[in-house]
Amino acid sequence: MEKHKYQGLLVLGSVVVSLLFVSLSGFAEDTGTITQIGTHNEAYIYQEVMSKIFVLQLGDDNAASVEQAGADHIAGVSQIGEDNESLIQQHGERDYVFSVQFGASNSLYIAQMQAFSQSSSYRNVSNNDAFTYQSGLYNIVNSLQLGDDNTTSIYQIGNNNEAFVVQEQASFSNDINAAFIVQTGLGNWMATQQSGANQVSRSLQQGDDNSVLINQYGIDNNASVFQTGHKNVIVINQG
């Protein structure tokens, strides 16, 4: 499965962040840029080799932390509002994160890591991508990408929505795992776990208090969920 097949689904995240951050091409190999307008905002960044970090915080009491261990990472974080929190850890190579938060008390945690398998066929090059957009109050995103070539795209519009994603690529394949989540409304909950290769999950929740759990194991699994209304529950196990 080629990454370009998912570019259309990820374009919103890329466009939003590109409007907030200047072009990467004009900077040296190692770049850390922090812009804060407001009061009591906090930012922490750590970089090693040839990586780029852009943090924008507009408002009060926002906190952002970005750690880049390894080479060629890019992370862009924008928090506009109050009491928003972002924690990003990139511990492989060539990982990408673009995150936007509008509102108050939104929470984001993204970890991207190599698996370091002993198998000679395992590439250990990362190339994980994560795109998130949160607008509203008390939304939560937690994403763990372990291995290479995982893609996550999460959009939350409303209040008290929660999304949890765990992706672990199998050592025997170069195909990617991909998870796409859209939540609009109040109190929606979504969790997906992908262990293997060439897994795709898509979830759209429109309404309030809906729940989705997707577990995918093995290879070539595909799941799509659409919920509209209130208090719907779906559980999918593949593999």
Protein backbone atom coordinates (compact mmCIF):
# COMPACT_ATOMS: atom_id res chain seq x y z
CA MET A 1 0.00 0.00 0.00
CA GLU A 2 1.43 3.37 -1.01
CA LYS A 3 1.25 6.46 1.16
CA HIS A 4 0.06 8.63 -1.70
CA LYS A 5 -3.31 6.88 -1.60
CA TYR A 6 -4.05 8.68 1.64
CA GLN A 7 -2.92 12.16 0.73
CA GLY A 8 -6.46 13.33 0.03
CA LEU A 9 -7.61 12.30 3.49
CA LEU A 10 -4.70 14.05 5.14
CA VAL A 11 -4.78 17.29 3.17
CA LEU A 12 -6.91 19.18 5.71
CA GLY A 13 -4.32 18.71 8.44
CA SER A 14 -1.50 19.76 6.15
CA VAL A 15 -3.30 22.86 4.91
CA VAL A 16 -4.28 24.08 8.37
CA VAL A 17 -0.76 23.79 9.69
CA SER A 18 0.80 25.31 6.59
CA LEU A 19 -1.23 28.45 7.19
CA LEU A 20 0.13 28.73 10.72
CA PHE A 21 3.79 27.91 10.17
CA VAL A 22 6.31 29.35 7.77
CA SER A 23 7.87 27.25 5.04
CA LEU A 24 10.44 24.71 6.14
CA SER A 25 12.66 25.31 3.15
CA GLY A 26 14.07 28.59 4.39
CA PHE A 27 15.69 27.23 7.52
CA ALA A 28 18.91 25.48 8.41
CA GLU A 29 18.94 21.77 9.13
CA ASP A 30 18.21 22.11 12.86
CA THR A 31 15.36 24.47 13.68
CA GLY A 32 13.39 25.14 16.85
CA THR A 33 10.91 28.00 16.70
CA ILE A 34 8.55 28.96 19.54
CA THR A 35 6.00 31.78 19.37
CA GLN A 36 3.89 32.57 22.44
CA ILE A 37 1.36 35.38 22.75
CA GLY A 38 -0.57 35.53 26.01
CA THR A 39 0.20 34.73 29.62
CA HIS A 40 1.53 31.71 31.51
CA ASN A 41 2.26 29.65 28.42
CA GLU A 42 4.98 26.99 28.67
CA ALA A 43 7.06 25.28 25.98
CA TYR A 44 9.87 22.70 26.06
CA ILE A 45 11.75 21.34 23.06
CA TYR A 46 14.59 18.83 22.64
CA GLN A 47 16.32 18.07 19.33
CA GLU A 48 19.20 15.94 18.14
CA VAL A 49 20.04 15.84 14.41
CA MET A 50 18.53 17.64 11.40
CA SER A 51 15.07 18.03 12.88
CA LYS A 52 12.57 20.89 12.92
CA ILE A 53 10.09 22.04 15.57
CA PHE A 54 7.53 24.82 15.29
CA VAL A 55 5.36 25.73 18.29
CA LEU A 56 2.69 28.44 18.24
CA GLN A 57 0.67 29.27 21.37
CA LEU A 58 -1.91 32.04 21.41
CA GLY A 59 -3.82 32.50 24.62
CA ASP A 60 -3.19 31.68 28.25
CA ASP A 61 -1.92 28.72 30.26
CA ASN A 62 -1.09 26.49 27.31
CA ALA A 63 1.73 23.93 27.56
CA ALA A 64 3.67 22.19 24.79
CA SER A 65 6.52 19.68 24.95
CA VAL A 66 8.28 18.21 21.91
CA GLU A 67 11.16 15.71 22.08
CA GLN A 68 12.99 14.62 18.93
CA ALA A 69 15.53 11.81 19.39
CA GLY A 70 17.03 10.67 16.12
CA ALA A 71 17.20 12.47 12.79
CA ASP A 72 15.02 14.25 10.25
CA HIS A 73 11.88 14.73 12.32
CA ILE A 74 9.35 17.50 11.75
CA ALA A 75 6.83 18.61 14.38
CA GLY A 76 4.38 21.51 14.13
CA VAL A 77 2.16 22.33 17.10
CA SER A 78 -0.43 25.11 17.30
CA GLN A 79 -2.52 25.82 20.41
CA ILE A 80 -5.01 28.68 20.31
CA GLY A 81 -7.09 29.20 23.43
CA GLU A 82 -6.59 28.34 27.08
CA ASP A 83 -5.29 25.41 29.11
CA ASN A 84 -4.45 23.27 26.10
CA GLU A 85 -1.70 20.67 26.45
CA SER A 86 0.45 18.85 23.88
CA LEU A 87 3.16 16.23 24.43
CA ILE A 88 4.98 14.84 21.39
CA GLN A 89 7.80 12.30 21.41
CA GLN A 90 9.60 11.32 18.20
CA HIS A 91 12.19 8.61 18.83
CA GLY A 92 12.96 7.15 15.42
CA GLU A 93 13.81 8.83 12.13
CA ARG A 94 11.86 10.95 9.66
CA ASP A 95 8.67 11.13 11.70
CA TYR A 96 6.07 13.86 11.09
CA VAL A 97 3.53 15.42 13.45
CA PHE A 98 1.19 18.30 12.65
CA SER A 99 -1.26 19.28 15.39
CA VAL A 100 -3.77 22.09 15.80
CA GLN A 101 -5.88 22.83 18.90
CA PHE A 102 -8.56 25.51 19.12
CA GLY A 103 -10.50 26.04 22.33
CA ALA A 104 -9.77 25.17 25.92
CA SER A 105 -8.51 22.23 27.97
CA ASN A 106 -7.78 20.00 25.00
CA SER A 107 -5.15 17.29 25.51
CA LEU A 108 -2.80 15.65 22.99
CA TYR A 109 -0.18 12.91 23.36
CA ILE A 110 1.65 11.43 20.38
CA ALA A 111 4.58 8.99 20.54
CA GLN A 112 6.42 7.76 17.45
CA MET A 113 9.05 5.08 17.96
CA GLN A 114 11.16 2.51 16.14
CA ALA A 115 10.62 -1.13 17.05
CA PHE A 116 14.30 -2.18 16.84
CA SER A 117 13.54 -5.74 15.81
CA GLN A 118 16.42 -8.20 15.53
CA SER A 119 15.08 -9.37 12.17
CA SER A 120 17.37 -8.42 9.29
CA SER A 121 14.31 -7.69 7.15
CA TYR A 122 13.07 -5.00 9.50
CA ARG A 123 14.08 -1.56 8.31
CA ASN A 124 13.87 0.49 11.52
CA VAL A 125 13.51 3.75 9.60
CA SER A 126 10.23 5.03 11.09
CA ASN A 127 8.51 7.43 8.64
CA ASN A 128 5.46 7.62 10.89
CA ASP A 129 2.94 10.39 10.20
CA ALA A 130 0.36 11.88 12.59
CA PHE A 131 -2.11 14.67 11.84
CA THR A 132 -4.56 15.97 14.47
CA TYR A 133 -7.11 18.76 14.71
CA GLN A 134 -9.07 19.54 17.88
CA SER A 135 -11.68 22.28 18.18
CA GLY A 136 -13.77 22.71 21.30
CA LEU A 137 -13.38 21.81 24.96
CA TYR A 138 -11.87 18.86 26.81
CA ASN A 139 -11.05 16.77 23.76
CA ILE A 140 -8.40 14.04 24.15
CA VAL A 141 -6.08 12.39 21.63
CA ASN A 142 -3.61 9.63 22.48
CA SER A 143 -1.60 8.01 19.67
CA LEU A 144 1.27 5.50 19.74
CA GLN A 145 3.02 4.56 16.50
CA LEU A 146 5.56 1.75 16.83
CA GLY A 147 7.55 0.64 13.80
CA ASP A 148 7.63 2.12 10.30
CA ASP A 149 5.21 3.86 7.95
CA ASN A 150 2.19 4.19 10.20
CA THR A 151 -0.31 6.96 9.43
CA THR A 152 -2.85 8.50 11.80
CA SER A 153 -5.32 11.29 11.06
CA ILE A 154 -7.68 12.50 13.82
CA TYR A 155 -10.20 15.35 13.73
CA GLN A 156 -12.33 16.34 16.75
CA ILE A 157 -14.94 19.09 16.63
CA GLY A 158 -17.03 19.52 19.76
CA ASN A 159 -16.50 18.77 23.43
CA ASN A 160 -15.33 15.82 25.52
CA ASN A 161 -14.43 13.61 22.57
CA GLU A 162 -11.73 10.97 23.05
CA ALA A 163 -9.61 9.11 20.48
CA PHE A 164 -7.00 6.44 21.19
CA VAL A 165 -4.81 4.84 18.50
CA VAL A 166 -2.09 2.18 18.79
CA GLN A 167 -0.27 1.13 15.62
CA GLU A 168 2.46 -1.51 15.49
CA GLN A 169 3.78 -2.55 12.10
CA ALA A 170 4.77 -6.18 11.53
CA SER A 171 8.44 -6.87 10.82
CA PHE A 172 7.65 -8.97 7.73
CA SER A 173 6.08 -6.23 5.63
CA ASN A 174 6.69 -2.76 4.25
CA ASP A 175 2.98 -1.96 3.95
CA ILE A 176 1.59 0.75 6.18
CA ASN A 177 -1.09 0.82 8.83
CA ALA A 178 -3.54 3.72 8.57
CA ALA A 179 -6.21 5.04 10.95
CA PHE A 180 -8.62 7.87 10.15
CA ILE A 181 -10.95 9.26 12.82
CA VAL A 182 -13.51 12.08 12.67
CA GLN A 183 -15.58 13.00 15.75
CA THR A 184 -18.17 15.78 15.73
CA GLY A 185 -20.41 16.27 18.72
CA LEU A 186 -20.16 15.60 22.44
CA GLY A 187 -18.69 12.76 24.44
CA ASN A 188 -17.77 10.44 21.57
CA TRP A 189 -15.18 7.71 22.24
CA MET A 190 -13.08 5.85 19.70
CA ALA A 191 -10.21 3.39 20.13
CA THR A 192 -8.34 1.40 17.49
CA GLN A 193 -5.44 -1.01 17.73
CA GLN A 194 -3.55 -2.17 14.65
CA SER A 195 -0.91 -4.89 14.96
CA GLY A 196 0.46 -6.20 11.69
CA ALA A 197 0.62 -4.65 8.25
CA ASN A 198 -1.61 -3.09 5.62
CA GLN A 199 -4.42 -2.42 8.10
CA VAL A 200 -6.91 0.39 7.49
CA SER A 201 -9.55 1.69 9.89
CA ARG A 202 -11.96 4.56 9.25
CA SER A 203 -14.36 5.94 11.83
CA LEU A 204 -16.86 8.80 11.57
CA GLN A 205 -18.94 9.76 14.62
CA GLN A 206 -21.62 12.44 14.34
CA GLY A 207 -23.68 12.98 17.47
CA ASP A 208 -23.20 12.42 21.17
CA ASP A 209 -21.91 9.62 23.41
CA ASN A 210 -21.11 7.17 20.61
CA SER A 211 -18.46 4.48 21.10
CA VAL A 212 -16.28 2.51 18.67
CA LEU A 213 -13.63 -0.14 19.36
CA ILE A 214 -11.64 -1.58 16.43
CA ASN A 215 -8.96 -4.27 16.88
CA GLN A 216 -7.00 -5.39 13.81
CA TYR A 217 -4.37 -8.15 13.82
CA GLY A 218 -2.45 -9.71 10.93
CA ILE A 219 -2.46 -8.26 7.42
CA ASP A 220 -4.85 -6.70 4.91
CA ASN A 221 -7.72 -5.90 7.26
CA ASN A 222 -10.10 -3.03 6.47
CA ALA A 223 -12.79 -1.57 8.73
CA SER A 224 -15.13 1.39 8.20
CA VAL A 225 -17.59 2.71 10.79
CA PHE A 226 -20.20 5.46 10.51
CA GLN A 227 -22.26 6.50 13.54
CA THR A 228 -24.90 9.21 13.58
CA GLY A 229 -27.16 9.87 16.53
CA HIS A 230 -26.62 9.16 20.19
CA LYS A 231 -25.25 6.36 22.37
CA ASN A 232 -24.44 3.92 19.57
CA VAL A 233 -21.85 1.20 20.30
CA ILE A 234 -19.78 -0.76 17.77
CA VAL A 235 -17.02 -3.34 18.40
CA ILE A 236 -14.99 -4.82 15.52
CA ASN A 237 -12.32 -7.52 15.80
CA GLN A 238 -10.35 -8.52 12.69
CA GLY A 239 -7.53 -11.02 12.43
